[in-house]
C-alpha atoms as a PDB file:
ATOM      1  CA  MET A   1      63.286  88.870  66.690  1.00  0.00           C
ATOM      2  CA  LYS A   2      60.114  87.266  67.870  1.00  0.00           C
ATOM      3  CA  THR A   3      58.546  87.972  64.546  1.00  0.00           C
ATOM      4  CA  GLY A   4      61.280  86.250  62.638  1.00  0.00           C
ATOM      5  CA  LYS A   5      61.134  83.233  64.898  1.00  0.00           C
ATOM      6  CA  ALA A   6      57.381  82.987  64.445  1.00  0.00           C
ATOM      7  CA  TYR A   7      57.757  83.206  60.713  1.00  0.00           C
ATOM      8  CA  ILE A   8      60.247  80.361  60.736  1.00  0.00           C
ATOM      9  CA  ASN A   9      57.913  78.243  62.882  1.00  0.00           C
ATOM     10  CA  ALA A  10      54.989  78.928  60.503  1.00  0.00           C
ATOM     11  CA  LEU A  11      57.091  78.025  57.513  1.00  0.00           C
ATOM     12  CA  ALA A  12      58.100  74.771  59.209  1.00  0.00           C
ATOM     13  CA  LEU A  13      54.423  73.939  59.828  1.00  0.00           C
ATOM     14  CA  VAL A  14      53.579  74.619  56.178  1.00  0.00           C
ATOM     15  CA  CYS A  15      56.394  72.365  55.016  1.00  0.00           C
ATOM     16  CA  ALA A  16      55.270  69.602  57.350  1.00  0.00           C
ATOM     17  CA  ALA A  17      51.703  69.880  56.111  1.00  0.00           C
ATOM     18  CA  GLY A  18      52.910  69.741  52.548  1.00  0.00           C
ATOM     19  CA  ALA A  19      54.948  66.650  53.303  1.00  0.00           C
ATOM     20  CA  LEU A  20      51.886  65.021  54.813  1.00  0.00           C
ATOM     21  CA  LEU A  21      49.795  65.891  51.764  1.00  0.00           C
ATOM     22  CA  LEU A  22      52.429  64.526  49.413  1.00  0.00           C
ATOM     23  CA  SER A  23      52.690  61.351  51.477  1.00  0.00           C
ATOM     24  CA  GLY A  24      48.907  60.840  51.378  1.00  0.00           C
ATOM     25  CA  TYR A  25      48.794  61.450  47.625  1.00  0.00           C
ATOM     26  CA  ALA A  26      51.538  58.892  47.066  1.00  0.00           C
ATOM     27  CA  SER A  27      49.677  56.352  49.226  1.00  0.00           C
ATOM     28  CA  ALA A  28      46.480  56.936  47.333  1.00  0.00           C
ATOM     29  CA  ARG A  29      48.293  56.661  44.015  1.00  0.00           C
ATOM     30  CA  ASP A  30      49.945  53.406  45.063  1.00  0.00           C
ATOM     31  CA  PHE A  31      46.492  51.999  46.072  1.00  0.00           C
ATOM     32  CA  ARG A  32      45.020  52.852  42.712  1.00  0.00           C
ATOM     33  CA  ALA A  33      48.005  51.302  40.973  1.00  0.00           C
ATOM     34  CA  ILE A  34      47.063  47.874  42.338  1.00  0.00           C
ATOM     35  CA  SER A  35      45.721  45.720  39.461  1.00  0.00           C
ATOM     36  CA  PRO A  36      42.610  43.860  40.630  1.00  0.00           C
ATOM     37  CA  LYS A  37      42.416  40.094  39.984  1.00  0.00           C
ATOM     38  CA  ASN A  38      38.761  40.275  39.060  1.00  0.00           C
ATOM     39  CA  ALA A  39      37.425  43.680  38.057  1.00  0.00           C
ATOM     40  CA  VAL A  40      33.991  44.398  39.444  1.00  0.00           C
ATOM     41  CA  HIS A  41      32.017  47.486  38.493  1.00  0.00           C
ATOM     42  CA  ASN A  42      32.034  50.100  41.307  1.00  0.00           C
ATOM     43  CA  ALA A  43      33.960  47.772  43.666  1.00  0.00           C
ATOM     44  CA  PRO A  44      36.024  49.758  46.190  1.00  0.00           C
ATOM     45  CA  VAL A  45      38.594  46.992  46.554  1.00  0.00           C
ATOM     46  CA  PRO A  46      39.855  44.166  44.262  1.00  0.00           C
ATOM     47  CA  VAL A  47      37.633  41.071  44.256  1.00  0.00           C
ATOM     48  CA  PRO A  48      39.468  37.711  43.908  1.00  0.00           C
ATOM     49  CA  TYR A  49      38.243  34.928  41.567  1.00  0.00           C
ATOM     50  CA  PRO A  50      35.939  32.445  43.289  1.00  0.00           C
ATOM     51  CA  ARG A  51      37.580  29.123  44.097  1.00  0.00           C
ATOM     52  CA  VAL A  52      34.615  27.081  42.801  1.00  0.00           C
ATOM     53  CA  LYS A  53      32.726  28.024  39.667  1.00  0.00           C
ATOM     54  CA  PRO A  54      29.030  28.388  40.507  1.00  0.00           C
ATOM     55  CA  THR A  55      26.714  25.788  39.002  1.00  0.00           C
ATOM     56  CA  PRO A  56      24.219  27.314  36.530  1.00  0.00           C
ATOM     57  CA  PRO A  57      20.554  26.675  37.263  1.00  0.00           C
ATOM     58  CA  PRO A  58      19.165  23.578  35.510  1.00  0.00           C
ATOM     59  CA  VAL A  59      17.391  24.154  32.192  1.00  0.00           C
ATOM     60  CA  LYS A  60      14.284  22.081  31.571  1.00  0.00           C
ATOM     61  CA  ALA A  61      14.499  20.437  28.152  1.00  0.00           C
ATOM     62  CA  ALA A  62      11.387  20.486  26.020  1.00  0.00           C
ATOM     63  CA  LYS A  63       9.746  17.096  25.805  1.00  0.00           C
ATOM     64  CA  ALA A  64       9.882  15.637  22.310  1.00  0.00           C
ATOM     65  CA  LYS A  65       6.543  14.485  20.983  1.00  0.00           C
ATOM     66  CA  PRO A  66       6.589  10.776  20.207  1.00  0.00           C
ATOM     67  CA  LEU A  67       6.191   9.895  16.532  1.00  0.00           C
ATOM     68  CA  ARG A  68       2.921   8.267  15.653  1.00  0.00           C
ATOM     69  CA  ALA A  69       3.469   4.854  14.216  1.00  0.00           C
ATOM     70  CA  GLN A  70       1.852   4.228  10.838  1.00  0.00           C
ATOM     71  CA  PRO A  71      -1.128   1.895  11.213  1.00  0.00           C
ATOM     72  CA  LYS A  72      -0.408  -1.544   9.855  1.00  0.00           C
ATOM     73  CA  ALA A  73      -2.940  -3.357   7.758  1.00  0.00           C
ATOM     74  CA  LYS A  74      -4.636  -6.072   9.759  1.00  0.00           C
ATOM     75  CA  PRO A  75      -4.225  -9.431   8.030  1.00  0.00           C
ATOM     76  CA  ALA A  76      -7.168 -11.592   7.198  1.00  0.00           C
ATOM     77  CA  THR A  77      -8.333 -13.869   9.940  1.00  0.00           C
ATOM     78  CA  THR A  78      -6.604 -17.206  10.398  1.00  0.00           C
ATOM     79  CA  ALA A  79      -9.363 -18.607  12.620  1.00  0.00           C
ATOM     80  CA  LEU A  80      -9.837 -22.379  12.524  1.00  0.00           C
ATOM     81  CA  ALA A  81     -13.591 -22.171  13.048  1.00  0.00           C
ATOM     82  CA  VAL A  82     -16.390 -19.717  12.386  1.00  0.00           C
ATOM     83  CA  THR A  83     -20.001 -19.290  13.436  1.00  0.00           C
ATOM     84  CA  VAL A  84     -22.507 -18.879  10.612  1.00  0.00           C
ATOM     85  CA  ARG A  85     -24.418 -15.588  10.606  1.00  0.00           C
ATOM     86  CA  LYS A  86     -27.626 -14.695   8.841  1.00  0.00           C
ATOM     87  CA  GLY A  87     -27.031 -14.387   5.106  1.00  0.00           C
ATOM     88  CA  ASP A  88     -23.736 -16.320   5.082  1.00  0.00           C
ATOM     89  CA  THR A  89     -23.043 -18.717   2.224  1.00  0.00           C
ATOM     90  CA  VAL A  90     -20.345 -21.334   1.696  1.00  0.00           C
ATOM     91  CA  TYR A  91     -18.645 -19.289  -0.985  1.00  0.00           C
ATOM     92  CA  GLY A  92     -18.977 -16.035   0.956  1.00  0.00           C
ATOM     93  CA  LEU A  93     -17.331 -17.552   4.045  1.00  0.00           C
ATOM     94  CA  ALA A  94     -14.581 -19.142   1.971  1.00  0.00           C
ATOM     95  CA  ARG A  95     -13.846 -15.854   0.247  1.00  0.00           C
ATOM     96  CA  ARG A  96     -13.912 -13.882   3.502  1.00  0.00           C
ATOM     97  CA  HIS A  97     -11.492 -16.197   5.297  1.00  0.00           C
ATOM     98  CA  GLY A  98      -9.254 -17.147   2.382  1.00  0.00           C
ATOM     99  CA  VAL A  99     -10.022 -20.848   2.140  1.00  0.00           C
ATOM    100  CA  ASP A 100     -11.032 -23.031  -0.793  1.00  0.00           C
ATOM    101  CA  PRO A 101     -14.825 -23.576  -0.948  1.00  0.00           C
ATOM    102  CA  LYS A 102     -14.284 -27.244  -1.804  1.00  0.00           C
ATOM    103  CA  ASN A 103     -12.136 -27.725   1.290  1.00  0.00           C
ATOM    104  CA  LEU A 104     -14.768 -25.967   3.419  1.00  0.00           C
ATOM    105  CA  ILE A 105     -17.468 -28.285   2.056  1.00  0.00           C
ATOM    106  CA  ARG A 106     -15.299 -31.368   2.539  1.00  0.00           C
ATOM    107  CA  ALA A 107     -14.145 -30.436   6.060  1.00  0.00           C
ATOM    108  CA  ASN A 108     -17.723 -29.999   7.255  1.00  0.00           C
ATOM    109  CA  ALA A 109     -19.338 -32.822   5.208  1.00  0.00           C
ATOM    110  CA  LEU A 110     -21.802 -30.363   3.655  1.00  0.00           C
ATOM    111  CA  GLN A 111     -24.319 -31.605   1.125  1.00  0.00           C
ATOM    112  CA  SER A 112     -25.671 -29.817  -1.937  1.00  0.00           C
ATOM    113  CA  PRO A 113     -27.261 -27.233  -2.062  1.00  0.00           C
ATOM    114  CA  TYR A 114     -25.026 -26.288   0.920  1.00  0.00           C
ATOM    115  CA  ILE A 115     -27.637 -24.427   2.975  1.00  0.00           C
ATOM    116  CA  LEU A 116     -26.187 -22.909   6.155  1.00  0.00           C
ATOM    117  CA  VAL A 117     -28.082 -22.188   9.399  1.00  0.00           C
ATOM    118  CA  PRO A 118     -27.285 -19.143  11.602  1.00  0.00           C
ATOM    119  CA  GLY A 119     -25.377 -20.314  14.695  1.00  0.00           C
ATOM    120  CA  GLN A 120     -23.913 -23.306  12.875  1.00  0.00           C
ATOM    121  CA  LYS A 121     -20.204 -23.954  13.618  1.00  0.00           C
ATOM    122  CA  LEU A 122     -17.937 -24.579  10.630  1.00  0.00           C
ATOM    123  CA  SER A 123     -14.322 -25.675  10.553  1.00  0.00           C
ATOM    124  CA  LEU A 124     -12.181 -23.534   8.268  1.00  0.00           C
ATOM    125  CA  GLY A 125      -8.903 -25.391   8.536  1.00  0.00           C
ATOM    126  CA  ALA A 126      -5.647 -23.498   8.023  1.00  0.00           C
ATOM    127  CA  PRO A 127      -5.705 -21.061   5.082  1.00  0.00           C
ATOM    128  CA  ARG A 128      -2.827 -20.859   2.645  1.00  0.00           C
ATOM    129  CA  THR A 129      -0.323 -18.181   3.596  1.00  0.00           C
ATOM    130  CA  HIS A 130       2.703 -16.561   1.976  1.00  0.00           C
ATOM    131  CA  THR A 131       5.558 -14.675   3.643  1.00  0.00           C
ATOM    132  CA  VAL A 132       6.623 -11.705   1.523  1.00  0.00           C
ATOM    133  CA  LYS A 133      10.248 -11.747   0.400  1.00  0.00           C
ATOM    134  CA  ARG A 134      12.332  -8.701  -0.395  1.00  0.00           C
ATOM    135  CA  GLY A 135      11.445  -7.261  -3.802  1.00  0.00           C
ATOM    136  CA  GLU A 136       8.183  -9.211  -4.198  1.00  0.00           C
ATOM    137  CA  THR A 137       5.079  -7.405  -5.434  1.00  0.00           C
ATOM    138  CA  GLY A 138       1.408  -8.156  -5.007  1.00  0.00           C
ATOM    139  CA  TYR A 139       1.085  -8.912  -8.699  1.00  0.00           C
ATOM    140  CA  ARG A 140       3.931 -11.442  -8.640  1.00  0.00           C
ATOM    141  CA  ILE A 141       2.493 -13.211  -5.580  1.00  0.00           C
ATOM    142  CA  ALA A 142      -1.006 -13.304  -7.093  1.00  0.00           C
ATOM    143  CA  ALA A 143       0.382 -14.789 -10.328  1.00  0.00           C
ATOM    144  CA  ARG A 144       2.342 -17.404  -8.378  1.00  0.00           C
ATOM    145  CA  TYR A 145      -0.811 -18.715  -6.695  1.00  0.00           C
ATOM    146  CA  ASP A 146      -3.074 -18.138  -9.738  1.00  0.00           C
ATOM    147  CA  VAL A 147      -5.359 -15.709  -7.901  1.00  0.00           C
ATOM    148  CA  GLY A 148      -6.533 -12.177  -8.649  1.00  0.00           C
ATOM    149  CA  MET A 149      -4.381  -9.373  -7.272  1.00  0.00           C
ATOM    150  CA  ALA A 150      -7.438  -7.315  -6.329  1.00  0.00           C
ATOM    151  CA  GLU A 151      -8.819 -10.224  -4.306  1.00  0.00           C
ATOM    152  CA  LEU A 152      -5.423 -10.819  -2.649  1.00  0.00           C
ATOM    153  CA  MET A 153      -5.198  -7.178  -1.560  1.00  0.00           C
ATOM    154  CA  ARG A 154      -8.843  -7.079  -0.421  1.00  0.00           C
ATOM    155  CA  LEU A 155      -8.524 -10.227   1.666  1.00  0.00           C
ATOM    156  CA  ASN A 156      -5.438  -8.855   3.451  1.00  0.00           C
ATOM    157  CA  ARG A 157      -6.925  -5.343   3.837  1.00  0.00           C
ATOM    158  CA  ILE A 158      -4.110  -3.669   1.891  1.00  0.00           C
ATOM    159  CA  LYS A 159      -5.005  -0.413   0.167  1.00  0.00           C
ATOM    160  CA  ALA A 160      -3.464   1.308  -2.871  1.00  0.00           C
ATOM    161  CA  PRO A 161      -0.627   1.755  -3.707  1.00  0.00           C
ATOM    162  CA  TYR A 162      -0.323  -1.818  -2.326  1.00  0.00           C
ATOM    163  CA  ARG A 163       3.111  -1.569  -0.697  1.00  0.00           C
ATOM    164  CA  LEU A 164       4.385  -4.798   0.855  1.00  0.00           C
ATOM    165  CA  GLN A 165       7.135  -5.310   3.442  1.00  0.00           C
ATOM    166  CA  ALA A 166       9.606  -8.177   3.649  1.00  0.00           C
ATOM    167  CA  GLY A 167       8.433 -10.648   6.283  1.00  0.00           C
ATOM    168  CA  GLN A 168       4.774  -9.634   5.973  1.00  0.00           C
ATOM    169  CA  LYS A 169       2.436 -12.637   6.028  1.00  0.00           C
ATOM    170  CA  LEU A 170      -0.382 -12.740   3.479  1.00  0.00           C
ATOM    171  CA  VAL A 171      -3.407 -15.012   3.387  1.00  0.00           C
ATOM    172  CA  ILE A 172      -3.877 -16.439  -0.095  1.00  0.00           C
ATOM    173  CA  PRO A 173      -7.481 -16.426  -1.371  1.00  0.00           C
ATOM    174  CA  PRO A 174      -8.972 -19.559  -2.900  1.00  0.00           C
ATOM    175  CA  GLN A 175      -8.469 -20.151  -6.605  1.00  0.00           C
ATOM    176  CA  GLU A 176     -11.720 -18.966  -8.089  1.00  0.00           C
ATOM    177  CA  SER A 177     -11.271 -20.764 -11.373  1.00  0.00           C
ATOM    178  CA  ALA A 178     -10.281 -24.048  -9.742  1.00  0.00           C
ATOM    179  CA  ALA A 179     -13.340 -23.976  -7.520  1.00  0.00           C
ATOM    180  CA  ALA A 180     -15.690 -23.123 -10.328  1.00  0.00           C
ATOM    181  CA  GLN A 181     -14.537 -25.030 -13.362  1.00  0.00           C
ATOM    182  CA  PRO A 182     -15.966 -28.443 -14.202  1.00  0.00           C
ATOM    183  CA  ALA A 183     -13.952 -31.380 -15.455  1.00  0.00           C
ATOM    184  CA  VAL A 184     -13.109 -30.881 -19.124  1.00  0.00           C
ATOM    185  CA  LEU A 185     -12.534 -33.956 -21.271  1.00  0.00           C
ATOM    186  CA  SER A 186     -11.212 -32.216 -24.373  1.00  0.00           C
ATOM    187  CA  VAL A 187     -10.615 -28.752 -25.781  1.00  0.00           C
ATOM    188  CA  PRO A 188     -11.161 -28.116 -29.508  1.00  0.00           C
ATOM    189  CA  ALA A 189      -8.111 -27.301 -31.592  1.00  0.00           C
ATOM    190  CA  ARG A 190      -7.364 -23.694 -32.442  1.00  0.00           C
ATOM    191  CA  THR A 191      -8.392 -22.512 -35.884  1.00  0.00           C
ATOM    192  CA  GLY A 192      -5.877 -19.675 -36.351  1.00  0.00           C
ATOM    193  CA  SER A 193      -2.449 -18.444 -35.290  1.00  0.00           C
ATOM    194  CA  HIS A 194      -3.922 -15.244 -33.812  1.00  0.00           C
ATOM    195  CA  PHE A 195      -6.998 -14.601 -31.690  1.00  0.00           C
ATOM    196  CA  SER A 196      -9.923 -12.666 -33.143  1.00  0.00           C
ATOM    197  CA  TRP A 197     -11.309  -9.531 -31.511  1.00  0.00           C
ATOM    198  CA  PRO A 198     -14.254 -10.100 -29.134  1.00  0.00           C
ATOM    199  CA  ALA A 199     -15.788  -6.886 -30.554  1.00  0.00           C
ATOM    200  CA  TYR A 200     -14.551  -3.875 -32.493  1.00  0.00           C
ATOM    201  CA  GLY A 201     -14.041  -0.586 -30.716  1.00  0.00           C
ATOM    202  CA  ALA A 202     -11.509   1.874 -29.328  1.00  0.00           C
ATOM    203  CA  VAL A 203      -8.981   0.559 -26.804  1.00  0.00           C
ATOM    204  CA  ILE A 204      -9.481   2.851 -23.809  1.00  0.00           C
ATOM    205  CA  SER A 205      -7.042   1.112 -21.442  1.00  0.00           C
ATOM    206  CA  ARG A 206      -3.959  -0.831 -22.451  1.00  0.00           C
ATOM    207  CA  PHE A 207      -2.063  -3.702 -20.864  1.00  0.00           C
ATOM    208  CA  GLY A 208       0.383  -2.963 -18.034  1.00  0.00           C
ATOM    209  CA  VAL A 209       0.976  -0.924 -14.880  1.00  0.00           C
ATOM    210  CA  LYS A 210      -1.200   2.147 -14.258  1.00  0.00           C
ATOM    211  CA  GLN A 211      -1.076   5.089 -11.875  1.00  0.00           C
ATOM    212  CA  GLY A 212      -1.756   4.419  -8.194  1.00  0.00           C
ATOM    213  CA  GLY A 213      -0.242   0.936  -8.207  1.00  0.00           C
ATOM    214  CA  TYR A 214      -2.955  -0.616 -10.377  1.00  0.00           C
ATOM    215  CA  ARG A 215      -2.248  -3.016 -13.216  1.00  0.00           C
ATOM    216  CA  ASN A 216      -4.356  -3.983 -16.207  1.00  0.00           C
ATOM    217  CA  ASP A 217      -3.830  -7.627 -17.125  1.00  0.00           C
ATOM    218  CA  GLY A 218      -5.597  -7.087 -20.435  1.00  0.00           C
ATOM    219  CA  ILE A 219      -7.208  -4.318 -22.474  1.00  0.00           C
ATOM    220  CA  ASN A 220     -10.542  -2.504 -22.230  1.00  0.00           C
ATOM    221  CA  ILE A 221     -12.541  -1.920 -25.402  1.00  0.00           C
ATOM    222  CA  ARG A 222     -15.218   0.774 -25.614  1.00  0.00           C
ATOM    223  CA  VAL A 223     -18.432  -0.559 -27.180  1.00  0.00           C
ATOM    224  CA  ARG A 224     -22.094   0.315 -27.412  1.00  0.00           C
ATOM    225  CA  PRO A 225     -24.484  -1.264 -24.885  1.00  0.00           C
ATOM    226  CA  GLY A 226     -25.806  -4.567 -26.170  1.00  0.00           C
ATOM    227  CA  THR A 227     -22.925  -5.181 -28.602  1.00  0.00           C
ATOM    228  CA  LYS A 228     -22.463  -8.906 -29.201  1.00  0.00           C
ATOM    229  CA  VAL A 229     -19.314 -10.271 -27.577  1.00  0.00           C
ATOM    230  CA  LYS A 230     -17.716 -13.106 -29.578  1.00  0.00           C
ATOM    231  CA  ALA A 231     -15.316 -15.892 -28.617  1.00  0.00           C
ATOM    232  CA  ALA A 232     -11.757 -15.060 -29.678  1.00  0.00           C
ATOM    233  CA  GLU A 233     -11.062 -18.741 -30.438  1.00  0.00           C
ATOM    234  CA  ALA A 234     -12.671 -22.148 -30.168  1.00  0.00           C
ATOM    235  CA  GLY A 235     -12.636 -23.530 -26.651  1.00  0.00           C
ATOM    236  CA  VAL A 236     -14.550 -24.578 -23.531  1.00  0.00           C
ATOM    237  CA  VAL A 237     -16.209 -22.208 -21.039  1.00  0.00           C
ATOM    238  CA  VAL A 238     -14.588 -22.831 -17.640  1.00  0.00           C
ATOM    239  CA  TYR A 239     -16.209 -19.972 -15.726  1.00  0.00           C
ATOM    240  CA  ALA A 240     -19.451 -18.040 -16.144  1.00  0.00           C
ATOM    241  CA  GLY A 241     -20.626 -15.811 -13.303  1.00  0.00           C
ATOM    242  CA  ASN A 242     -20.197 -12.598 -11.340  1.00  0.00           C
ATOM    243  CA  ARG A 243     -18.448 -13.732  -8.161  1.00  0.00           C
ATOM    244  CA  ILE A 244     -15.056 -12.242  -9.038  1.00  0.00           C
ATOM    245  CA  LYS A 245     -15.186  -8.705  -7.644  1.00  0.00           C
ATOM    246  CA  GLY A 246     -14.836  -5.795 -10.057  1.00  0.00           C
ATOM    247  CA  PHE A 247     -15.399  -7.625 -13.349  1.00  0.00           C
ATOM    248  CA  GLY A 248     -19.181  -7.911 -13.280  1.00  0.00           C
ATOM    249  CA  ASN A 249     -20.589 -10.694 -15.450  1.00  0.00           C
ATOM    250  CA  LEU A 250     -17.478 -12.603 -16.473  1.00  0.00           C
ATOM    251  CA  LEU A 251     -16.574 -15.429 -18.859  1.00  0.00           C
ATOM    252  CA  LEU A 252     -13.374 -17.489 -19.001  1.00  0.00           C
ATOM    253  CA  ILE A 253     -12.730 -19.738 -21.996  1.00  0.00           C
ATOM    254  CA  ARG A 254      -9.969 -22.349 -22.142  1.00  0.00           C
ATOM    255  CA  HIS A 255      -8.300 -22.951 -25.489  1.00  0.00           C
ATOM    256  CA  ASP A 256      -5.947 -25.522 -26.916  1.00  0.00           C
ATOM    257  CA  GLY A 257      -2.296 -25.138 -25.936  1.00  0.00           C
ATOM    258  CA  GLY A 258      -2.948 -23.861 -22.395  1.00  0.00           C
ATOM    259  CA  TRP A 259      -4.419 -20.509 -23.476  1.00  0.00           C
ATOM    260  CA  ILE A 260      -7.270 -18.768 -21.620  1.00  0.00           C
ATOM    261  CA  THR A 261      -9.285 -15.716 -22.686  1.00  0.00           C
ATOM    262  CA  THR A 262     -11.312 -13.506 -20.350  1.00  0.00           C
ATOM    263  CA  TYR A 263     -14.384 -11.365 -21.130  1.00  0.00           C
ATOM    264  CA  GLY A 264     -15.571  -8.967 -18.406  1.00  0.00           C
ATOM    265  CA  HIS A 265     -18.247  -6.274 -17.700  1.00  0.00           C
ATOM    266  CA  ASN A 266     -20.921  -8.055 -19.748  1.00  0.00           C
ATOM    267  CA  ALA A 267     -24.623  -7.281 -19.486  1.00  0.00           C
ATOM    268  CA  ASP A 268     -25.814 -10.831 -20.193  1.00  0.00           C
ATOM    269  CA  LEU A 269     -24.043 -14.170 -20.553  1.00  0.00           C
ATOM    270  CA  LEU A 270     -25.201 -16.368 -23.436  1.00  0.00           C
ATOM    271  CA  VAL A 271     -23.213 -19.494 -22.543  1.00  0.00           C
ATOM    272  CA  SER A 272     -22.675 -21.581 -19.398  1.00  0.00           C
ATOM    273  CA  ARG A 273     -19.821 -23.466 -17.780  1.00  0.00           C
ATOM    274  CA  GLY A 274     -18.872 -26.586 -19.699  1.00  0.00           C
ATOM    275  CA  ASP A 275     -20.183 -25.291 -23.042  1.00  0.00           C
ATOM    276  CA  THR A 276     -17.967 -25.774 -26.089  1.00  0.00           C
ATOM    277  CA  VAL A 277     -17.816 -22.660 -28.255  1.00  0.00           C
ATOM    278  CA  LYS A 278     -16.560 -21.921 -31.762  1.00  0.00           C
ATOM    279  CA  ARG A 279     -14.373 -19.054 -32.884  1.00  0.00           C
ATOM    280  CA  GLY A 280     -16.563 -15.988 -33.460  1.00  0.00           C
ATOM    281  CA  GLN A 281     -19.574 -17.460 -31.628  1.00  0.00           C
ATOM    282  CA  GLU A 282     -21.682 -14.938 -29.679  1.00  0.00           C
ATOM    283  CA  ILE A 283     -21.102 -15.591 -25.990  1.00  0.00           C
ATOM    284  CA  ALA A 284     -22.402 -12.432 -24.257  1.00  0.00           C
ATOM    285  CA  THR A 285     -23.857  -8.949 -24.715  1.00  0.00           C
ATOM    286  CA  ALA A 286     -21.705  -6.003 -23.715  1.00  0.00           C
ATOM    287  CA  GLY A 287     -22.582  -3.738 -20.802  1.00  0.00           C
ATOM    288  CA  GLN A 288     -20.996  -1.962 -17.871  1.00  0.00           C
ATOM    289  CA  SER A 289     -21.400  -4.423 -15.007  1.00  0.00           C
ATOM    290  CA  GLY A 290     -18.705  -4.402 -12.336  1.00  0.00           C
ATOM    291  CA  ASN A 291     -16.445  -1.498 -11.453  1.00  0.00           C
ATOM    292  CA  VAL A 292     -16.693   0.604 -14.660  1.00  0.00           C
ATOM    293  CA  SER A 293     -18.466   3.824 -15.600  1.00  0.00           C
ATOM    294  CA  GLU A 294     -19.227   3.205 -19.276  1.00  0.00           C
ATOM    295  CA  PRO A 295     -20.049   0.206 -21.538  1.00  0.00           C
ATOM    296  CA  GLN A 296     -16.893  -1.757 -22.359  1.00  0.00           C
ATOM    297  CA  ILE A 297     -15.301  -5.191 -22.605  1.00  0.00           C
ATOM    298  CA  HIS A 298     -12.388  -6.185 -20.420  1.00  0.00           C
ATOM    299  CA  PHE A 299     -10.419  -8.720 -22.469  1.00  0.00           C
ATOM    300  CA  GLU A 300      -7.429 -10.798 -21.357  1.00  0.00           C
ATOM    301  CA  ILE A 301      -5.228 -13.432 -22.953  1.00  0.00           C
ATOM    302  CA  ARG A 302      -3.247 -15.749 -20.678  1.00  0.00           C
ATOM    303  CA  LYS A 303      -0.769 -18.522 -21.296  1.00  0.00           C
ATOM    304  CA  GLY A 304      -1.261 -20.695 -18.243  1.00  0.00           C
ATOM    305  CA  ILE A 305      -1.351 -18.180 -15.352  1.00  0.00           C
ATOM    306  CA  THR A 306       0.760 -15.547 -17.109  1.00  0.00           C
ATOM    307  CA  ALA A 307      -1.095 -12.558 -18.561  1.00  0.00           C
ATOM    308  CA  ARG A 308       0.029 -11.516 -22.050  1.00  0.00           C
ATOM    309  CA  ASP A 309      -0.509  -8.243 -23.888  1.00  0.00           C
ATOM    310  CA  PRO A 310      -3.588  -8.986 -26.049  1.00  0.00           C
ATOM    311  CA  LEU A 311      -2.548  -6.493 -28.745  1.00  0.00           C
ATOM    312  CA  ARG A 312       0.410  -8.735 -29.583  1.00  0.00           C
ATOM    313  CA  TYR A 313      -1.795 -11.808 -30.113  1.00  0.00           C
ATOM    314  CA  LEU A 314      -4.902 -10.346 -31.754  1.00  0.00           C
ATOM    315  CA  GLU A 315      -5.531 -10.035 -35.462  1.00  0.00           C
ATOM    316  CA  THR A 316      -5.231  -6.562 -36.945  1.00  0.00           C
ATOM    317  CA  GLN A 317      -8.415  -4.680 -36.072  1.00  0.00           C
ATOM    318  CA  THR A 318     -10.196  -3.184 -39.045  1.00  0.00           C
ATOM    319  CA  ALA A 319     -11.875  -0.513 -36.905  1.00  0.00           C
ATOM    320  CA  SER A 320      -9.856   2.375 -35.484  1.00  0.00           C
ATOM    321  CA  ALA A 321      -8.401   1.899 -32.017  1.00  0.00           C
ATOM    322  CA  SER A 322      -7.029   4.559 -29.752  1.00  0.00           C
ATOM    323  CA  SER A 323      -5.507   4.763 -26.302  1.00  0.00           C
ATOM    324  CA  PRO A 324      -5.696   7.723 -23.930  1.00  0.00           C
END
């Protein structure tokens, strides 16, 4: 009887233990069934979302390197006065500062032969200037003022390819021909409808625009050193000298009807300013003075200040001519 009662008590204990185990299992299962609001790896309990989003650490931006501005060409001086230095001449100062030599002489009451003394103060006056308009080129501006393009670019320190900007102010160089030419009473009449060749030879550079922004206002004729250069038409010599940079020993002859012919890179000049010449007269010997590397003649034909293609106004050349 005791044994049976003990058995019943033991069985009751086992059942109670089992109930406890089942209850704990259910509790554990219910805990695991909770869906966390913010899953965190290996977190024993759910972690809620933070109320305020954390601010990320500041990121230092890389400093941009400033762009280097392109150097602008410094314009020629517009000084109103200058101090003479050793070796200075009236023409050299006028050319350097873009003023007319005659105006420089007049403004300072200089007397021939215009000897300057180092330390002497000279008044330059205001040089001529031009403000570049949109679409204008150096060649067009030079033609407008009847000056050489090379001299215009040199005076304003502008290098090839000679790009200009609207609003840019240029100093206009003095008119070389106006300063040099004497008064001419009369010009002989032309003797033909076309100009004659100054010498026969191959045309090594034609009229027009060249690479690098350069322009040839005439043609260049290859000749042998010492070849006689002849006047293309009757006229009067209005310039004879070597003061125009790049052309060496140069001649300019004025003809009837407003025509002018140019002969550059000569070795020797056989005529002087004011001389009247005939068509075909020998006026120089050919060479390679100026900015050239072989003997040649630079020849131009102009109507007023406008350069024309010489090949359209010259007689047919009997010798062969070629162009590279």
